[in-house]
Amino acid sequence: MKKPSRVSLALAAAATLLGGGAALTAGPAAAAPAAPGGAAVASKAAVKGTAPSCVRRDVIKHEKKVTVGNDCGRTMHLKVVIDHGPDSRCLTYQHGQAWSWHWRLGSYGKVVTC
């Protein structure tokens, strides 16, 4: 059996780190908005565009935190986009609901509909 070279070991370690990077990302600090049945809703829908101005965004950049609130008077499907970092899932917000998203890598980009 051939002994692995240093280069192949380094490549394997890099692949492991890159593949496992999702485990190092931060998730929402608060519970996700619930669907009418009580379960959080994650959607695989495509991003449609920047969220309208009736979606509240309170960003604290030095804490890497954004609180998103739905003041639109109707149900909204929203996602937080983090530049060079992990985006949030697409979540369903009923009118008046809000939640916070924290991240470790990257910077706040925008909130989009999905």
N, C-alpha and C. Protein backbone atom coordinates (compact mmCIF):
# COMPACT_ATOMS: atom_id res chain seq x y z
N MET A 1 0.84 -1.19 0.00
CA MET A 1 0.00 0.00 0.00
C MET A 1 0.88 1.24 0.00
N LYS A 2 0.55 2.19 -0.87
CA LYS A 2 1.34 3.41 -1.03
C LYS A 2 1.01 4.40 0.08
N LYS A 3 2.05 5.01 0.66
CA LYS A 3 1.88 6.01 1.70
C LYS A 3 1.47 7.34 1.06
N PRO A 4 0.41 8.03 1.61
CA PRO A 4 -0.03 9.29 1.01
C PRO A 4 1.04 10.38 1.13
N SER A 5 1.16 11.21 0.12
CA SER A 5 2.14 12.30 0.14
C SER A 5 1.61 13.46 0.99
N ARG A 6 2.50 14.37 1.31
CA ARG A 6 2.09 15.56 2.08
C ARG A 6 1.08 16.40 1.31
N VAL A 7 1.26 16.48 0.00
CA VAL A 7 0.35 17.27 -0.84
C VAL A 7 -1.05 16.66 -0.81
N SER A 8 -1.14 15.34 -0.96
CA SER A 8 -2.47 14.72 -0.95
C SER A 8 -3.12 14.83 0.42
N LEU A 9 -2.32 14.77 1.49
CA LEU A 9 -2.87 14.96 2.83
C LEU A 9 -3.37 16.38 3.02
N ALA A 10 -2.61 17.36 2.51
CA ALA A 10 -3.03 18.77 2.62
C ALA A 10 -4.31 19.01 1.82
N LEU A 11 -4.40 18.44 0.62
CA LEU A 11 -5.61 18.59 -0.18
C LEU A 11 -6.81 17.94 0.49
N ALA A 12 -6.62 16.79 1.10
CA ALA A 12 -7.71 16.11 1.80
C ALA A 12 -8.17 16.94 3.00
N ALA A 13 -7.21 17.53 3.72
CA ALA A 13 -7.57 18.37 4.88
C ALA A 13 -8.33 19.61 4.43
N ALA A 14 -7.89 20.22 3.32
CA ALA A 14 -8.59 21.41 2.82
C ALA A 14 -10.00 21.06 2.37
N ALA A 15 -10.16 19.94 1.70
CA ALA A 15 -11.49 19.52 1.26
C ALA A 15 -12.40 19.25 2.44
N THR A 16 -11.85 18.67 3.49
CA THR A 16 -12.65 18.41 4.69
C THR A 16 -13.10 19.72 5.33
N LEU A 17 -12.17 20.68 5.42
CA LEU A 17 -12.53 21.98 6.02
C LEU A 17 -13.57 22.71 5.19
N LEU A 18 -13.40 22.71 3.87
CA LEU A 18 -14.37 23.39 3.01
C LEU A 18 -15.71 22.70 3.04
N GLY A 19 -15.71 21.41 3.02
CA GLY A 19 -16.98 20.66 3.05
C GLY A 19 -17.68 20.76 4.37
N GLY A 20 -16.93 20.92 5.46
CA GLY A 20 -17.53 21.01 6.79
C GLY A 20 -17.75 22.42 7.26
N GLY A 21 -17.49 23.40 6.39
CA GLY A 21 -17.62 24.80 6.79
C GLY A 21 -19.02 25.17 7.24
N ALA A 22 -20.04 24.52 6.70
CA ALA A 22 -21.41 24.84 7.08
C ALA A 22 -21.66 24.57 8.55
N ALA A 23 -20.92 23.64 9.13
CA ALA A 23 -21.11 23.32 10.54
C ALA A 23 -20.61 24.45 11.44
N LEU A 24 -19.79 25.35 10.89
CA LEU A 24 -19.23 26.43 11.68
C LEU A 24 -20.06 27.70 11.62
N THR A 25 -21.09 27.72 10.82
CA THR A 25 -21.87 28.94 10.65
C THR A 25 -22.88 29.11 11.77
N ALA A 26 -23.24 30.35 12.03
CA ALA A 26 -24.21 30.65 13.07
C ALA A 26 -25.62 30.57 12.52
N GLY A 27 -26.54 30.17 13.34
CA GLY A 27 -27.95 30.10 12.95
C GLY A 27 -28.72 31.24 13.57
N PRO A 28 -30.02 31.27 13.37
CA PRO A 28 -30.83 32.33 13.95
C PRO A 28 -30.76 32.32 15.47
N ALA A 29 -30.71 33.49 16.08
CA ALA A 29 -30.65 33.58 17.53
C ALA A 29 -32.02 33.38 18.15
N ALA A 30 -33.04 33.71 17.42
CA ALA A 30 -34.40 33.57 17.93
C ALA A 30 -35.12 32.49 17.13
N ALA A 31 -36.21 32.04 17.64
CA ALA A 31 -37.00 31.04 16.93
C ALA A 31 -37.47 31.60 15.60
N ALA A 32 -37.51 30.75 14.61
CA ALA A 32 -37.96 31.17 13.29
C ALA A 32 -39.46 31.41 13.31
N PRO A 33 -39.93 32.31 12.47
CA PRO A 33 -41.37 32.54 12.39
C PRO A 33 -42.09 31.24 12.06
N ALA A 34 -43.24 31.08 12.62
CA ALA A 34 -43.97 29.83 12.44
C ALA A 34 -45.04 29.96 11.39
N ALA A 35 -45.30 28.85 10.74
CA ALA A 35 -46.40 28.77 9.79
C ALA A 35 -47.69 28.61 10.58
N PRO A 36 -48.84 28.74 9.94
CA PRO A 36 -50.10 28.61 10.66
C PRO A 36 -50.20 27.32 11.47
N GLY A 37 -49.57 26.23 11.02
CA GLY A 37 -49.59 24.97 11.75
C GLY A 37 -48.60 24.93 12.89
N GLY A 38 -47.76 25.95 13.04
CA GLY A 38 -46.82 26.01 14.15
C GLY A 38 -45.40 25.62 13.78
N ALA A 39 -45.15 25.11 12.60
CA ALA A 39 -43.81 24.70 12.21
C ALA A 39 -43.15 25.79 11.38
N ALA A 40 -41.83 25.93 11.53
CA ALA A 40 -41.10 26.89 10.71
C ALA A 40 -41.13 26.41 9.27
N VAL A 41 -41.19 27.37 8.33
CA VAL A 41 -41.30 27.02 6.93
C VAL A 41 -40.01 27.39 6.23
N ALA A 42 -39.39 26.43 5.56
CA ALA A 42 -38.23 26.69 4.73
C ALA A 42 -38.65 26.45 3.29
N SER A 43 -38.32 27.37 2.42
CA SER A 43 -38.74 27.25 1.04
C SER A 43 -37.53 27.16 0.14
N LYS A 44 -37.65 26.39 -0.94
CA LYS A 44 -36.59 26.30 -1.92
C LYS A 44 -36.87 27.23 -3.09
N ALA A 45 -37.78 28.17 -2.90
CA ALA A 45 -38.16 29.10 -3.95
C ALA A 45 -36.98 30.00 -4.31
N ALA A 46 -36.92 30.42 -5.55
CA ALA A 46 -35.86 31.28 -6.02
C ALA A 46 -36.02 32.69 -5.45
N VAL A 47 -34.91 33.38 -5.32
CA VAL A 47 -34.93 34.76 -4.85
C VAL A 47 -35.61 35.61 -5.92
N LYS A 48 -36.54 36.46 -5.49
CA LYS A 48 -37.31 37.28 -6.42
C LYS A 48 -36.80 38.71 -6.51
N GLY A 49 -36.16 39.22 -5.47
CA GLY A 49 -35.66 40.58 -5.51
C GLY A 49 -35.57 41.15 -4.10
N THR A 50 -35.06 42.36 -3.99
CA THR A 50 -34.93 43.02 -2.70
C THR A 50 -36.31 43.19 -2.06
N ALA A 51 -36.38 42.94 -0.77
CA ALA A 51 -37.65 43.07 -0.04
C ALA A 51 -38.13 44.52 -0.05
N PRO A 52 -39.45 44.73 -0.04
CA PRO A 52 -39.98 46.10 -0.06
C PRO A 52 -39.68 46.85 1.23
N SER A 53 -39.91 48.15 1.21
CA SER A 53 -39.59 49.00 2.37
C SER A 53 -40.46 48.72 3.59
N CYS A 54 -41.58 48.01 3.43
CA CYS A 54 -42.41 47.66 4.59
C CYS A 54 -41.80 46.52 5.41
N VAL A 55 -40.69 45.95 4.93
CA VAL A 55 -39.95 44.95 5.69
C VAL A 55 -38.89 45.70 6.50
N ARG A 56 -38.99 45.59 7.82
CA ARG A 56 -38.08 46.30 8.73
C ARG A 56 -36.75 45.55 8.82
N ARG A 57 -35.65 46.30 8.74
CA ARG A 57 -34.31 45.73 8.86
C ARG A 57 -33.55 46.55 9.89
N ASP A 58 -33.21 45.95 11.00
CA ASP A 58 -32.41 46.62 12.03
C ASP A 58 -31.06 45.92 12.08
N VAL A 59 -30.03 46.55 11.51
CA VAL A 59 -28.72 45.94 11.37
C VAL A 59 -27.77 46.51 12.41
N ILE A 60 -27.07 45.62 13.12
CA ILE A 60 -26.00 46.01 14.04
C ILE A 60 -24.74 45.34 13.51
N LYS A 61 -24.00 46.07 12.68
CA LYS A 61 -22.87 45.48 11.95
C LYS A 61 -21.79 44.94 12.87
N HIS A 62 -21.42 45.67 13.92
CA HIS A 62 -20.32 45.22 14.77
C HIS A 62 -20.70 43.97 15.58
N GLU A 63 -21.99 43.68 15.73
CA GLU A 63 -22.44 42.45 16.40
C GLU A 63 -22.77 41.36 15.39
N LYS A 64 -22.69 41.70 14.08
CA LYS A 64 -23.07 40.77 13.01
C LYS A 64 -24.46 40.21 13.27
N LYS A 65 -25.43 41.13 13.38
CA LYS A 65 -26.81 40.77 13.71
C LYS A 65 -27.77 41.65 12.91
N VAL A 66 -28.84 41.05 12.42
CA VAL A 66 -29.92 41.80 11.78
C VAL A 66 -31.23 41.25 12.31
N THR A 67 -32.15 42.15 12.63
CA THR A 67 -33.51 41.76 13.00
C THR A 67 -34.42 42.19 11.85
N VAL A 68 -35.19 41.23 11.37
CA VAL A 68 -36.08 41.46 10.23
C VAL A 68 -37.51 41.37 10.73
N GLY A 69 -38.34 42.34 10.36
CA GLY A 69 -39.74 42.35 10.76
C GLY A 69 -40.66 42.61 9.58
N ASN A 70 -41.82 42.00 9.61
CA ASN A 70 -42.80 42.17 8.54
C ASN A 70 -43.87 43.16 8.97
N ASP A 71 -43.84 44.35 8.41
CA ASP A 71 -44.84 45.39 8.66
C ASP A 71 -45.68 45.64 7.41
N CYS A 72 -45.75 44.65 6.52
CA CYS A 72 -46.38 44.83 5.21
C CYS A 72 -47.89 44.62 5.20
N GLY A 73 -48.47 44.08 6.24
CA GLY A 73 -49.91 43.85 6.25
C GLY A 73 -50.31 42.58 5.52
N ARG A 74 -49.33 41.80 5.07
CA ARG A 74 -49.61 40.52 4.40
C ARG A 74 -48.44 39.57 4.66
N THR A 75 -48.62 38.33 4.38
CA THR A 75 -47.57 37.32 4.58
C THR A 75 -46.43 37.58 3.59
N MET A 76 -45.19 37.47 4.07
CA MET A 76 -44.01 37.67 3.23
C MET A 76 -43.08 36.48 3.39
N HIS A 77 -42.40 36.11 2.31
CA HIS A 77 -41.37 35.07 2.32
C HIS A 77 -40.04 35.79 2.15
N LEU A 78 -39.18 35.72 3.18
CA LEU A 78 -37.98 36.55 3.21
C LEU A 78 -36.73 35.74 3.54
N LYS A 79 -35.60 36.27 3.07
CA LYS A 79 -34.31 35.64 3.29
C LYS A 79 -33.27 36.74 3.50
N VAL A 80 -32.37 36.55 4.49
CA VAL A 80 -31.27 37.49 4.72
C VAL A 80 -30.08 37.03 3.90
N VAL A 81 -29.51 37.94 3.11
CA VAL A 81 -28.34 37.65 2.30
C VAL A 81 -27.11 38.24 2.99
N ILE A 82 -26.12 37.39 3.26
CA ILE A 82 -24.87 37.82 3.88
C ILE A 82 -23.79 37.76 2.81
N ASP A 83 -23.16 38.90 2.53
CA ASP A 83 -22.08 38.93 1.54
C ASP A 83 -20.88 38.17 2.09
N HIS A 84 -20.39 37.20 1.32
CA HIS A 84 -19.23 36.38 1.68
C HIS A 84 -19.45 35.59 2.97
N GLY A 85 -20.68 35.16 3.20
CA GLY A 85 -21.01 34.38 4.39
C GLY A 85 -22.30 33.62 4.20
N PRO A 86 -22.79 32.99 5.26
CA PRO A 86 -23.98 32.14 5.16
C PRO A 86 -25.28 32.95 5.15
N ASP A 87 -26.11 32.70 4.15
CA ASP A 87 -27.43 33.33 4.09
C ASP A 87 -28.39 32.58 5.01
N SER A 88 -29.48 33.24 5.39
CA SER A 88 -30.52 32.56 6.15
C SER A 88 -31.35 31.70 5.22
N ARG A 89 -32.20 30.88 5.78
CA ARG A 89 -33.17 30.13 4.99
C ARG A 89 -34.25 31.10 4.54
N CYS A 90 -35.06 30.68 3.59
CA CYS A 90 -36.23 31.44 3.19
C CYS A 90 -37.32 31.11 4.20
N LEU A 91 -37.82 32.13 4.90
CA LEU A 91 -38.80 31.92 5.96
C LEU A 91 -40.09 32.68 5.66
N THR A 92 -41.18 32.15 6.14
CA THR A 92 -42.49 32.79 5.99
C THR A 92 -42.77 33.64 7.22
N TYR A 93 -43.04 34.92 7.01
CA TYR A 93 -43.35 35.85 8.08
C TYR A 93 -44.81 36.26 7.96
N GLN A 94 -45.57 36.08 9.00
CA GLN A 94 -46.92 36.64 9.05
C GLN A 94 -46.77 38.13 9.40
N HIS A 95 -47.79 38.93 9.12
CA HIS A 95 -47.75 40.35 9.46
C HIS A 95 -47.44 40.51 10.95
N GLY A 96 -46.48 41.36 11.28
CA GLY A 96 -46.12 41.64 12.67
C GLY A 96 -45.02 40.75 13.23
N GLN A 97 -44.64 39.68 12.54
CA GLN A 97 -43.59 38.80 13.05
C GLN A 97 -42.21 39.38 12.76
N ALA A 98 -41.25 39.03 13.64
CA ALA A 98 -39.86 39.45 13.47
C ALA A 98 -38.95 38.37 14.05
N TRP A 99 -37.72 38.32 13.58
CA TRP A 99 -36.70 37.43 14.14
C TRP A 99 -35.33 37.99 13.84
N SER A 100 -34.33 37.48 14.55
CA SER A 100 -32.95 37.96 14.39
C SER A 100 -32.09 36.88 13.75
N TRP A 101 -31.15 37.31 12.96
CA TRP A 101 -30.18 36.41 12.32
C TRP A 101 -28.79 36.89 12.69
N HIS A 102 -27.95 35.97 13.18
CA HIS A 102 -26.55 36.25 13.52
C HIS A 102 -25.67 35.48 12.55
N TRP A 103 -24.49 36.01 12.26
CA TRP A 103 -23.55 35.30 11.41
C TRP A 103 -22.14 35.57 11.91
N ARG A 104 -21.20 34.75 11.50
CA ARG A 104 -19.80 34.90 11.92
C ARG A 104 -18.92 35.44 10.80
N LEU A 105 -19.17 34.99 9.58
CA LEU A 105 -18.33 35.36 8.44
C LEU A 105 -19.10 36.28 7.50
N GLY A 106 -18.40 37.24 6.91
CA GLY A 106 -19.03 38.11 5.93
C GLY A 106 -19.65 39.35 6.54
N SER A 107 -20.49 40.01 5.74
CA SER A 107 -21.15 41.24 6.18
C SER A 107 -22.58 41.26 5.64
N TYR A 108 -23.43 42.02 6.30
CA TYR A 108 -24.83 42.14 5.89
C TYR A 108 -24.90 42.63 4.45
N GLY A 109 -25.73 41.96 3.66
CA GLY A 109 -25.93 42.37 2.28
C GLY A 109 -27.29 43.01 2.10
N LYS A 110 -28.37 42.20 2.23
CA LYS A 110 -29.71 42.72 2.04
C LYS A 110 -30.72 41.66 2.47
N VAL A 111 -32.00 42.05 2.46
CA VAL A 111 -33.11 41.12 2.67
C VAL A 111 -33.84 41.01 1.34
N VAL A 112 -34.12 39.77 0.94
CA VAL A 112 -34.77 39.54 -0.35
C VAL A 112 -36.05 38.74 -0.15
N THR A 113 -36.94 38.84 -1.12
CA THR A 113 -38.13 37.99 -1.13
C THR A 113 -37.74 36.68 -1.81
N CYS A 114 -38.44 35.63 -1.45
CA CYS A 114 -38.13 34.32 -2.02
C CYS A 114 -39.38 33.46 -2.13
